[in-house]
């Protein structure tokens, strides 16, 4: 088995730590986190604690068949929960106030009908960074909320069909147990 830990205060991570689990408890001892995180998403609703999403992050262009739909997506699953951003806007640098939605612990949030602005400051080629922020307010059944999201993610795909994307995400979520230990996010792989 292997283990990966992340320190959210310093945005550093361990490398894969291989270990053999023994019942009932396995101590991994003191962990050194000294590898800088290469990509991340932060999300804060109102004055709640900031949520951090680090690897695995999947980001890239959308395409749907039979008719292609221009847009892009960003997705991550961590101990903090899931994060999914879907945009039907042309991928690239720009400011967008509609045609995107995101889903996290606050539920599904659609930009249409709310006061949210997505700013994409960089949209690199595959293997390079997509940098974005989403700021503003939205309303749900619990009232009005302020949202602040920052993403610095590596573009992993140029385009992926919607069906293939969900198969990949479903497979990775099913085969990964994710735990949280204090401010350390721990991914446990079998």
N, C-alpha and C. Protein backbone atom coordinates (compact mmCIF):
# COMPACT_ATOMS: atom_id res chain seq x y z
N UNK A 1 0.85 -1.16 0.00
CA UNK A 1 0.00 0.00 0.00
C UNK A 1 0.89 1.23 0.00
N UNK A 2 0.33 2.35 -0.43
CA UNK A 2 1.09 3.60 -0.36
C UNK A 2 0.22 4.71 0.20
N UNK A 3 0.89 5.72 0.71
CA UNK A 3 0.27 6.82 1.44
C UNK A 3 0.89 8.11 0.92
N UNK A 4 0.09 9.17 0.78
CA UNK A 4 0.58 10.49 0.42
C UNK A 4 -0.03 11.49 1.40
N UNK A 5 0.79 12.35 2.01
CA UNK A 5 0.30 13.35 2.94
C UNK A 5 0.55 14.75 2.42
N UNK A 6 -0.32 15.71 2.77
CA UNK A 6 -0.19 17.09 2.32
C UNK A 6 -0.33 18.03 3.51
N UNK A 7 0.59 18.98 3.64
CA UNK A 7 0.52 20.03 4.66
C UNK A 7 -0.08 21.26 3.98
N UNK A 8 -1.31 21.62 4.37
CA UNK A 8 -1.99 22.73 3.71
C UNK A 8 -1.43 24.09 4.12
N UNK A 9 -0.79 24.19 5.28
CA UNK A 9 -0.22 25.47 5.70
C UNK A 9 0.95 25.87 4.81
N UNK A 10 1.79 24.91 4.45
CA UNK A 10 2.97 25.22 3.64
C UNK A 10 2.79 24.82 2.17
N UNK A 11 1.64 24.22 1.83
CA UNK A 11 1.39 23.69 0.49
C UNK A 11 2.54 22.82 0.02
N UNK A 12 2.89 21.85 0.88
CA UNK A 12 3.91 20.86 0.56
C UNK A 12 3.34 19.47 0.78
N UNK A 13 3.95 18.50 0.14
CA UNK A 13 3.44 17.14 0.21
C UNK A 13 4.58 16.14 0.39
N UNK A 14 4.23 14.95 0.83
CA UNK A 14 5.20 13.87 0.87
C UNK A 14 5.24 13.24 -0.52
N UNK A 15 6.21 12.45 -0.76
CA UNK A 15 6.18 11.58 -1.94
C UNK A 15 5.41 10.34 -1.52
N UNK A 16 5.20 9.41 -2.44
CA UNK A 16 4.54 8.16 -2.09
C UNK A 16 5.31 7.46 -0.98
N UNK A 17 4.60 7.05 0.06
CA UNK A 17 5.20 6.30 1.17
C UNK A 17 4.60 4.91 1.13
N UNK A 18 5.42 3.91 0.82
CA UNK A 18 4.95 2.53 0.79
C UNK A 18 4.97 1.97 2.20
N UNK A 19 3.96 1.19 2.56
CA UNK A 19 3.91 0.60 3.89
C UNK A 19 3.04 -0.65 3.86
N UNK A 20 3.21 -1.46 4.88
CA UNK A 20 2.37 -2.64 5.08
C UNK A 20 1.49 -2.38 6.28
N UNK A 21 0.20 -2.44 6.09
CA UNK A 21 -0.75 -2.17 7.18
C UNK A 21 -0.90 -3.41 8.04
N UNK A 22 -0.93 -3.18 9.35
CA UNK A 22 -1.21 -4.26 10.29
C UNK A 22 -2.39 -3.84 11.15
N UNK A 23 -3.22 -4.78 11.50
CA UNK A 23 -4.42 -4.51 12.28
C UNK A 23 -4.07 -4.41 13.75
N UNK A 24 -4.68 -3.58 14.56
CA UNK A 24 -5.75 -2.65 14.21
C UNK A 24 -5.23 -1.29 13.78
N UNK A 25 -3.96 -0.94 14.08
CA UNK A 25 -3.44 0.38 13.78
C UNK A 25 -2.03 0.26 13.22
N UNK A 26 -1.74 1.09 12.22
CA UNK A 26 -0.39 1.17 11.67
C UNK A 26 0.09 2.59 11.83
N UNK A 27 1.22 2.77 12.52
CA UNK A 27 1.80 4.10 12.70
C UNK A 27 2.85 4.32 11.63
N UNK A 28 2.75 5.43 10.93
CA UNK A 28 3.75 5.77 9.92
C UNK A 28 4.83 6.66 10.50
N UNK A 29 4.73 7.00 11.80
CA UNK A 29 5.74 7.83 12.45
C UNK A 29 5.64 9.27 12.00
N UNK A 30 6.73 10.03 12.18
CA UNK A 30 6.77 11.42 11.76
C UNK A 30 6.99 11.48 10.25
N UNK A 31 6.21 12.30 9.58
CA UNK A 31 6.31 12.42 8.13
C UNK A 31 6.96 13.73 7.76
N UNK A 32 7.83 13.70 6.77
CA UNK A 32 8.45 14.90 6.26
C UNK A 32 7.72 15.31 4.99
N UNK A 33 7.23 16.54 4.97
CA UNK A 33 6.57 17.06 3.78
C UNK A 33 7.42 18.19 3.23
N UNK A 34 8.15 17.90 2.17
CA UNK A 34 9.08 18.90 1.67
C UNK A 34 9.01 19.07 0.15
N UNK A 35 8.06 18.42 -0.48
CA UNK A 35 7.90 18.57 -1.92
C UNK A 35 6.78 19.58 -2.16
N UNK A 36 7.10 20.64 -2.88
CA UNK A 36 6.10 21.68 -3.14
C UNK A 36 4.93 21.10 -3.94
N UNK A 37 3.73 21.50 -3.57
CA UNK A 37 2.53 21.11 -4.32
C UNK A 37 2.58 21.81 -5.67
N UNK A 38 2.38 21.07 -6.74
CA UNK A 38 2.47 21.66 -8.08
C UNK A 38 1.15 22.23 -8.57
N UNK A 39 0.04 21.80 -7.99
CA UNK A 39 -1.26 22.33 -8.40
C UNK A 39 -2.22 22.26 -7.22
N UNK A 40 -3.19 23.18 -7.21
CA UNK A 40 -4.14 23.22 -6.10
C UNK A 40 -5.38 24.00 -6.49
N UNK A 41 -6.43 23.79 -5.71
CA UNK A 41 -7.65 24.59 -5.78
C UNK A 41 -8.00 24.95 -4.34
N UNK A 42 -8.32 26.20 -4.07
CA UNK A 42 -8.84 26.59 -2.77
C UNK A 42 -10.26 27.11 -2.97
N UNK A 43 -11.11 26.86 -1.99
CA UNK A 43 -12.50 27.30 -2.08
C UNK A 43 -12.97 27.72 -0.70
N UNK A 44 -13.60 28.88 -0.63
CA UNK A 44 -14.16 29.35 0.64
C UNK A 44 -15.54 29.93 0.40
N UNK A 45 -16.50 29.47 1.19
CA UNK A 45 -17.86 30.00 1.17
C UNK A 45 -18.08 30.78 2.45
N UNK A 46 -18.51 32.03 2.32
CA UNK A 46 -18.72 32.92 3.46
C UNK A 46 -17.45 32.95 4.31
N UNK A 47 -17.57 32.75 5.61
CA UNK A 47 -16.39 32.78 6.50
C UNK A 47 -16.00 31.38 6.94
N UNK A 48 -16.47 30.37 6.21
CA UNK A 48 -16.11 29.00 6.55
C UNK A 48 -14.62 28.76 6.32
N UNK A 49 -14.13 27.67 6.86
CA UNK A 49 -12.73 27.30 6.68
C UNK A 49 -12.45 27.09 5.19
N UNK A 50 -11.28 27.54 4.75
CA UNK A 50 -10.86 27.34 3.37
C UNK A 50 -10.68 25.84 3.12
N UNK A 51 -11.20 25.37 1.99
CA UNK A 51 -11.01 23.97 1.60
C UNK A 51 -9.92 23.92 0.55
N UNK A 52 -9.03 22.95 0.71
CA UNK A 52 -7.92 22.77 -0.21
C UNK A 52 -8.11 21.48 -1.00
N UNK A 53 -7.89 21.56 -2.28
CA UNK A 53 -7.93 20.39 -3.15
C UNK A 53 -6.58 20.30 -3.86
N UNK A 54 -5.90 19.18 -3.68
CA UNK A 54 -4.62 18.93 -4.36
C UNK A 54 -4.76 17.61 -5.12
N UNK A 55 -3.69 17.12 -5.64
CA UNK A 55 -3.73 15.90 -6.47
C UNK A 55 -4.65 14.85 -5.88
N UNK A 56 -5.39 14.16 -6.68
CA UNK A 56 -5.41 14.26 -8.14
C UNK A 56 -6.37 15.35 -8.62
N UNK A 57 -5.91 16.13 -9.57
CA UNK A 57 -6.75 17.13 -10.23
C UNK A 57 -6.73 16.82 -11.72
N UNK A 58 -7.89 16.83 -12.32
CA UNK A 58 -8.01 16.59 -13.76
C UNK A 58 -8.58 17.86 -14.37
N UNK A 59 -7.94 18.37 -15.42
CA UNK A 59 -8.40 19.61 -16.05
C UNK A 59 -8.16 19.54 -17.55
N UNK A 60 -9.05 20.14 -18.30
CA UNK A 60 -8.86 20.16 -19.74
C UNK A 60 -10.09 20.61 -20.48
N UNK A 61 -10.08 20.35 -21.78
CA UNK A 61 -11.17 20.78 -22.64
C UNK A 61 -12.30 19.79 -22.67
N UNK A 62 -13.49 20.30 -22.94
CA UNK A 62 -14.68 19.46 -23.11
C UNK A 62 -14.89 19.17 -24.58
N UNK A 63 -15.47 18.05 -24.86
CA UNK A 63 -16.09 17.82 -26.16
C UNK A 63 -17.16 16.77 -25.93
N UNK A 64 -18.29 17.00 -26.51
CA UNK A 64 -19.39 16.04 -26.37
C UNK A 64 -19.77 15.55 -27.75
N UNK A 65 -20.10 14.30 -27.85
CA UNK A 65 -20.49 13.76 -29.14
C UNK A 65 -21.98 13.48 -29.12
N UNK A 66 -22.68 13.60 -30.22
CA UNK A 66 -22.13 13.78 -31.56
C UNK A 66 -21.78 15.23 -31.88
N UNK A 67 -22.41 16.22 -31.25
CA UNK A 67 -22.10 17.62 -31.55
C UNK A 67 -21.10 18.14 -30.52
N UNK A 68 -19.93 18.65 -30.96
CA UNK A 68 -18.95 19.14 -29.99
C UNK A 68 -19.45 20.38 -29.25
N UNK A 69 -19.15 20.43 -27.97
CA UNK A 69 -19.47 21.58 -27.14
C UNK A 69 -18.15 22.16 -26.66
N UNK A 70 -17.92 23.41 -26.94
CA UNK A 70 -16.68 24.05 -26.51
C UNK A 70 -16.78 24.35 -25.03
N UNK A 71 -15.69 24.20 -24.31
CA UNK A 71 -15.67 24.49 -22.89
C UNK A 71 -14.51 23.79 -22.22
N UNK A 72 -14.51 23.80 -20.90
CA UNK A 72 -13.46 23.09 -20.16
C UNK A 72 -13.99 22.68 -18.80
N UNK A 73 -13.24 21.84 -18.11
CA UNK A 73 -13.63 21.33 -16.80
C UNK A 73 -12.40 21.24 -15.90
N UNK A 74 -12.65 21.27 -14.60
CA UNK A 74 -11.63 21.03 -13.58
C UNK A 74 -12.30 20.17 -12.52
N UNK A 75 -11.63 19.09 -12.11
CA UNK A 75 -12.24 18.19 -11.15
C UNK A 75 -11.20 17.67 -10.17
N UNK A 76 -11.59 17.54 -8.90
CA UNK A 76 -10.71 16.98 -7.88
C UNK A 76 -11.55 16.34 -6.79
N UNK A 77 -11.01 15.33 -6.17
CA UNK A 77 -11.65 14.68 -5.04
C UNK A 77 -10.61 14.58 -3.93
N UNK A 78 -10.95 15.03 -2.73
CA UNK A 78 -10.01 14.98 -1.61
C UNK A 78 -10.78 14.73 -0.33
N UNK A 79 -10.04 14.71 0.78
CA UNK A 79 -10.67 14.53 2.08
C UNK A 79 -11.64 15.68 2.38
N UNK A 80 -11.41 16.84 1.76
CA UNK A 80 -12.29 18.00 1.95
C UNK A 80 -13.59 17.84 1.17
N UNK A 81 -13.67 16.84 0.32
CA UNK A 81 -14.85 16.62 -0.52
C UNK A 81 -14.46 16.73 -1.98
N UNK A 82 -15.45 16.88 -2.81
CA UNK A 82 -15.19 16.97 -4.24
C UNK A 82 -15.32 18.40 -4.74
N UNK A 83 -14.67 18.68 -5.85
CA UNK A 83 -14.77 19.97 -6.52
C UNK A 83 -14.90 19.69 -8.00
N UNK A 84 -15.88 20.30 -8.65
CA UNK A 84 -16.07 20.12 -10.08
C UNK A 84 -16.50 21.44 -10.68
N UNK A 85 -15.75 21.92 -11.66
CA UNK A 85 -16.07 23.14 -12.39
C UNK A 85 -16.30 22.75 -13.84
N UNK A 86 -17.39 23.21 -14.41
CA UNK A 86 -17.70 22.94 -15.81
C UNK A 86 -18.06 24.26 -16.47
N UNK A 87 -17.39 24.57 -17.57
CA UNK A 87 -17.65 25.81 -18.29
C UNK A 87 -17.99 25.51 -19.74
N UNK A 88 -19.01 26.16 -20.25
CA UNK A 88 -19.35 26.05 -21.66
C UNK A 88 -18.76 27.22 -22.45
N UNK A 89 -17.96 28.05 -21.79
CA UNK A 89 -17.32 29.17 -22.46
C UNK A 89 -16.11 28.68 -23.26
N UNK A 90 -15.73 29.44 -24.28
CA UNK A 90 -14.54 29.09 -25.07
C UNK A 90 -13.34 29.09 -24.12
N UNK A 91 -12.56 27.98 -24.09
CA UNK A 91 -11.42 27.94 -23.18
C UNK A 91 -10.38 28.97 -23.57
N UNK A 92 -9.93 29.74 -22.62
CA UNK A 92 -8.92 30.74 -22.87
C UNK A 92 -8.98 31.85 -21.84
N UNK A 93 -8.02 32.74 -21.92
CA UNK A 93 -7.95 33.87 -21.00
C UNK A 93 -9.17 34.75 -21.20
N UNK A 94 -9.79 35.16 -20.10
CA UNK A 94 -10.96 36.02 -20.21
C UNK A 94 -11.73 36.10 -18.91
N UNK A 95 -12.78 36.90 -18.92
CA UNK A 95 -13.67 37.09 -17.78
C UNK A 95 -15.07 36.63 -18.19
N UNK A 96 -15.67 35.77 -17.36
CA UNK A 96 -16.95 35.16 -17.69
C UNK A 96 -17.92 35.32 -16.52
N UNK A 97 -19.16 35.68 -16.83
CA UNK A 97 -20.18 35.84 -15.79
C UNK A 97 -21.36 34.90 -16.00
N UNK A 98 -21.28 34.04 -17.00
CA UNK A 98 -22.36 33.09 -17.25
C UNK A 98 -21.81 31.83 -17.91
N UNK A 99 -22.67 30.84 -18.06
CA UNK A 99 -22.35 29.59 -18.75
C UNK A 99 -21.24 28.79 -18.08
N UNK A 100 -21.19 28.82 -16.76
CA UNK A 100 -20.32 27.92 -16.01
C UNK A 100 -21.02 27.54 -14.71
N UNK A 101 -20.65 26.40 -14.19
CA UNK A 101 -21.21 25.95 -12.92
C UNK A 101 -20.12 25.21 -12.15
N UNK A 102 -20.30 25.15 -10.84
CA UNK A 102 -19.36 24.39 -10.03
C UNK A 102 -20.14 23.66 -8.96
N UNK A 103 -19.54 22.58 -8.51
CA UNK A 103 -20.16 21.78 -7.48
C UNK A 103 -19.10 21.45 -6.45
N UNK A 104 -19.46 21.68 -5.19
CA UNK A 104 -18.57 21.36 -4.08
C UNK A 104 -19.47 21.06 -2.90
N UNK A 105 -18.95 21.20 -1.69
CA UNK A 105 -19.77 20.88 -0.52
C UNK A 105 -20.95 21.82 -0.37
N UNK A 106 -20.91 22.97 -1.03
CA UNK A 106 -22.03 23.90 -0.99
C UNK A 106 -23.13 23.54 -1.97
N UNK A 107 -22.98 22.41 -2.65
CA UNK A 107 -23.96 21.98 -3.63
C UNK A 107 -23.63 22.50 -5.01
N UNK A 108 -24.56 22.36 -5.92
CA UNK A 108 -24.39 22.82 -7.30
C UNK A 108 -24.66 24.31 -7.36
N UNK A 109 -23.73 25.06 -7.95
CA UNK A 109 -23.87 26.51 -8.08
C UNK A 109 -23.76 26.84 -9.56
N UNK A 110 -24.77 27.48 -10.11
CA UNK A 110 -24.77 27.87 -11.50
C UNK A 110 -24.53 29.37 -11.58
N UNK A 111 -23.61 29.81 -12.44
CA UNK A 111 -23.33 31.24 -12.57
C UNK A 111 -24.54 31.99 -13.11
N UNK A 112 -25.29 31.36 -14.00
CA UNK A 112 -26.47 32.01 -14.56
C UNK A 112 -27.46 32.29 -13.44
N UNK A 113 -27.88 33.54 -13.31
CA UNK A 113 -28.83 33.91 -12.27
C UNK A 113 -28.17 34.29 -10.95
N UNK A 114 -26.87 34.22 -10.88
CA UNK A 114 -26.14 34.63 -9.68
C UNK A 114 -25.14 35.71 -10.05
N UNK A 115 -24.42 36.24 -9.08
CA UNK A 115 -23.45 37.31 -9.30
C UNK A 115 -22.04 36.76 -9.13
N UNK A 116 -21.64 35.84 -10.02
CA UNK A 116 -20.32 35.22 -9.96
C UNK A 116 -19.51 35.60 -11.19
N UNK A 117 -18.22 35.80 -10.98
CA UNK A 117 -17.31 36.12 -12.08
C UNK A 117 -16.15 35.14 -12.07
N UNK A 118 -15.94 34.47 -13.20
CA UNK A 118 -14.79 33.59 -13.36
C UNK A 118 -13.76 34.32 -14.21
N UNK A 119 -12.56 34.47 -13.65
CA UNK A 119 -11.46 35.13 -14.35
C UNK A 119 -10.41 34.07 -14.65
N UNK A 120 -10.14 33.83 -15.93
CA UNK A 120 -9.07 32.91 -16.33
C UNK A 120 -7.90 33.77 -16.77
N UNK A 121 -6.81 33.72 -15.99
CA UNK A 121 -5.64 34.55 -16.30
C UNK A 121 -4.61 33.79 -17.13
N UNK A 122 -4.70 32.46 -17.17
CA UNK A 122 -3.79 31.66 -17.98
C UNK A 122 -4.50 30.38 -18.38
N UNK A 123 -4.40 30.01 -19.66
CA UNK A 123 -4.95 28.74 -20.14
C UNK A 123 -3.89 28.10 -21.02
N UNK A 124 -2.98 27.37 -20.37
CA UNK A 124 -1.84 26.78 -21.06
C UNK A 124 -2.20 25.55 -21.87
N UNK A 125 -1.24 25.11 -22.66
CA UNK A 125 -1.37 23.87 -23.43
C UNK A 125 -1.34 22.69 -22.46
N UNK A 126 -1.61 21.49 -22.96
CA UNK A 126 -1.55 20.28 -22.13
C UNK A 126 -0.17 20.22 -21.47
N UNK A 127 -0.16 19.99 -20.15
CA UNK A 127 1.08 19.96 -19.38
C UNK A 127 1.45 21.30 -18.77
N UNK A 128 0.75 22.37 -19.17
CA UNK A 128 0.98 23.69 -18.60
C UNK A 128 -0.21 24.07 -17.73
N UNK A 129 -0.14 25.26 -17.13
CA UNK A 129 -1.12 25.64 -16.11
C UNK A 129 -2.36 26.33 -16.67
N UNK A 130 -3.47 26.07 -15.98
CA UNK A 130 -4.69 26.86 -16.09
C UNK A 130 -4.81 27.58 -14.75
N UNK A 131 -4.86 28.90 -14.77
CA UNK A 131 -5.01 29.70 -13.55
C UNK A 131 -6.35 30.43 -13.62
N UNK A 132 -7.14 30.28 -12.55
CA UNK A 132 -8.46 30.90 -12.56
C UNK A 132 -8.88 31.30 -11.15
N UNK A 133 -9.80 32.25 -11.09
CA UNK A 133 -10.47 32.61 -9.84
C UNK A 133 -11.96 32.69 -10.14
N UNK A 134 -12.75 32.43 -9.12
CA UNK A 134 -14.20 32.65 -9.18
C UNK A 134 -14.56 33.41 -7.91
N UNK A 135 -15.17 34.57 -8.08
CA UNK A 135 -15.55 35.39 -6.93
C UNK A 135 -16.94 35.95 -7.14
N UNK A 136 -17.62 36.20 -6.02
CA UNK A 136 -18.93 36.82 -6.09
C UNK A 136 -19.89 36.22 -5.09
N UNK A 137 -21.17 36.39 -5.39
CA UNK A 137 -22.22 35.89 -4.49
C UNK A 137 -23.17 34.98 -5.28
N UNK A 138 -23.78 34.06 -4.54
CA UNK A 138 -24.80 33.19 -5.12
C UNK A 138 -25.87 32.96 -4.06
N UNK A 139 -27.03 32.56 -4.51
CA UNK A 139 -28.15 32.29 -3.60
C UNK A 139 -28.60 30.85 -3.79
N UNK A 140 -28.81 30.18 -2.65
CA UNK A 140 -29.39 28.84 -2.68
C UNK A 140 -30.53 28.81 -1.66
N UNK A 141 -31.03 27.63 -1.33
CA UNK A 141 -32.17 27.53 -0.42
C UNK A 141 -31.85 28.02 0.99
N UNK A 142 -30.55 28.11 1.34
CA UNK A 142 -30.15 28.59 2.67
C UNK A 142 -29.90 30.10 2.70
N UNK A 143 -30.02 30.77 1.55
CA UNK A 143 -29.81 32.21 1.52
C UNK A 143 -28.69 32.63 0.58
N UNK A 144 -28.18 33.85 0.80
CA UNK A 144 -27.13 34.41 -0.04
C UNK A 144 -25.76 34.09 0.56
N UNK A 145 -24.80 33.78 -0.30
CA UNK A 145 -23.46 33.39 0.15
C UNK A 145 -22.39 34.08 -0.70
N UNK A 146 -21.23 34.29 -0.09
CA UNK A 146 -20.07 34.81 -0.79
C UNK A 146 -19.15 33.64 -1.11
N UNK A 147 -18.62 33.62 -2.32
CA UNK A 147 -17.76 32.52 -2.76
C UNK A 147 -16.45 33.06 -3.28
N UNK A 148 -15.35 32.39 -2.91
CA UNK A 148 -14.02 32.73 -3.41
C UNK A 148 -13.28 31.44 -3.73
N UNK A 149 -12.92 31.26 -5.00
CA UNK A 149 -12.21 30.06 -5.46
C UNK A 149 -10.96 30.51 -6.21
N UNK A 150 -9.85 29.82 -5.97
CA UNK A 150 -8.61 30.04 -6.71
C UNK A 150 -8.10 28.70 -7.20
N UNK A 151 -7.73 28.64 -8.48
CA UNK A 151 -7.19 27.40 -9.03
C UNK A 151 -5.89 27.63 -9.77
N UNK A 152 -4.93 26.77 -9.53
CA UNK A 152 -3.64 26.74 -10.23
C UNK A 152 -3.42 25.27 -10.56
N UNK A 153 -3.91 24.85 -11.73
CA UNK A 153 -3.97 23.42 -12.06
C UNK A 153 -3.27 23.15 -13.38
N UNK A 154 -2.74 21.96 -13.50
CA UNK A 154 -2.07 21.55 -14.73
C UNK A 154 -3.10 20.98 -15.69
N UNK A 155 -3.08 21.49 -16.89
CA UNK A 155 -4.01 20.99 -17.92
C UNK A 155 -3.57 19.59 -18.32
N UNK A 156 -4.44 18.62 -18.10
CA UNK A 156 -4.09 17.23 -18.34
C UNK A 156 -4.61 16.68 -19.65
N UNK A 157 -5.58 17.35 -20.26
CA UNK A 157 -6.16 16.83 -21.50
C UNK A 157 -6.54 18.00 -22.41
N UNK A 158 -6.48 17.73 -23.72
CA UNK A 158 -6.92 18.77 -24.66
C UNK A 158 -8.43 18.72 -24.81
N UNK A 159 -9.00 17.53 -24.92
CA UNK A 159 -10.45 17.37 -24.99
C UNK A 159 -10.78 15.94 -24.61
N UNK A 160 -11.90 15.78 -23.98
CA UNK A 160 -12.31 14.47 -23.51
C UNK A 160 -13.82 14.39 -23.60
N UNK A 161 -14.33 13.31 -24.10
CA UNK A 161 -15.78 13.21 -24.19
C UNK A 161 -16.37 13.13 -22.80
N UNK A 162 -17.57 13.64 -22.63
CA UNK A 162 -18.23 13.65 -21.33
C UNK A 162 -18.34 12.25 -20.74
N UNK A 163 -18.73 11.27 -21.55
CA UNK A 163 -18.88 9.91 -21.04
C UNK A 163 -17.55 9.33 -20.58
N UNK A 164 -16.49 9.52 -21.34
CA UNK A 164 -15.17 9.02 -20.94
C UNK A 164 -14.73 9.68 -19.65
N UNK A 165 -14.97 10.98 -19.52
CA UNK A 165 -14.56 11.72 -18.33
C UNK A 165 -15.19 11.12 -17.08
N UNK A 166 -16.50 10.88 -17.12
CA UNK A 166 -17.16 10.35 -15.93
C UNK A 166 -16.72 8.93 -15.62
N UNK A 167 -16.39 8.13 -16.63
CA UNK A 167 -15.88 6.79 -16.37
C UNK A 167 -14.54 6.87 -15.64
N UNK A 168 -13.67 7.77 -16.05
CA UNK A 168 -12.38 7.91 -15.40
C UNK A 168 -12.56 8.37 -13.96
N UNK A 169 -13.37 9.38 -13.73
CA UNK A 169 -13.59 9.88 -12.38
C UNK A 169 -14.21 8.80 -11.50
N UNK A 170 -15.22 8.11 -12.00
CA UNK A 170 -15.88 7.07 -11.22
C UNK A 170 -14.87 5.99 -10.81
N UNK A 171 -14.03 5.58 -11.74
CA UNK A 171 -13.04 4.55 -11.45
C UNK A 171 -12.07 5.01 -10.36
N UNK A 172 -11.59 6.25 -10.45
CA UNK A 172 -10.60 6.70 -9.46
C UNK A 172 -11.24 6.90 -8.09
N UNK A 173 -12.50 7.32 -8.01
CA UNK A 173 -13.14 7.50 -6.72
C UNK A 173 -13.42 6.16 -6.05
N UNK A 174 -13.84 5.17 -6.83
CA UNK A 174 -14.18 3.86 -6.28
C UNK A 174 -12.95 3.17 -5.71
N UNK A 175 -11.80 3.34 -6.34
CA UNK A 175 -10.61 2.60 -5.96
C UNK A 175 -9.69 3.37 -5.02
N UNK A 176 -10.16 4.41 -4.39
CA UNK A 176 -9.31 5.21 -3.53
C UNK A 176 -10.04 5.50 -2.22
N UNK A 177 -9.44 5.16 -1.11
CA UNK A 177 -9.97 5.55 0.19
C UNK A 177 -9.23 6.80 0.60
N UNK A 178 -9.93 7.83 1.03
CA UNK A 178 -9.30 9.10 1.36
C UNK A 178 -9.59 9.42 2.82
N UNK A 179 -8.55 9.77 3.55
CA UNK A 179 -8.68 10.07 4.96
C UNK A 179 -8.13 11.47 5.24
N UNK A 180 -8.55 12.06 6.36
CA UNK A 180 -8.00 13.35 6.75
C UNK A 180 -7.47 13.24 8.16
N UNK A 181 -6.28 13.77 8.38
CA UNK A 181 -5.63 13.73 9.68
C UNK A 181 -5.21 15.16 10.00
N UNK A 182 -5.88 15.80 10.96
CA UNK A 182 -5.64 17.20 11.31
C UNK A 182 -5.66 18.04 10.04
N UNK A 183 -4.55 18.76 9.75
CA UNK A 183 -4.51 19.59 8.55
C UNK A 183 -3.73 18.89 7.44
N UNK A 184 -3.64 17.60 7.53
CA UNK A 184 -2.90 16.82 6.55
C UNK A 184 -3.88 15.97 5.76
N UNK A 185 -3.88 16.13 4.46
CA UNK A 185 -4.74 15.30 3.63
C UNK A 185 -3.97 14.04 3.27
N UNK A 186 -4.59 12.91 3.48
CA UNK A 186 -3.90 11.65 3.28
C UNK A 186 -4.66 10.81 2.28
N UNK A 187 -4.00 10.41 1.23
CA UNK A 187 -4.59 9.52 0.23
C UNK A 187 -4.04 8.13 0.48
N UNK A 188 -4.91 7.18 0.58
CA UNK A 188 -4.54 5.79 0.87
C UNK A 188 -4.90 4.95 -0.34
N UNK A 189 -3.91 4.38 -0.99
CA UNK A 189 -4.13 3.62 -2.21
C UNK A 189 -3.93 2.14 -1.93
N UNK A 190 -4.75 1.28 -2.51
CA UNK A 190 -4.53 -0.16 -2.39
C UNK A 190 -4.28 -0.75 -3.75
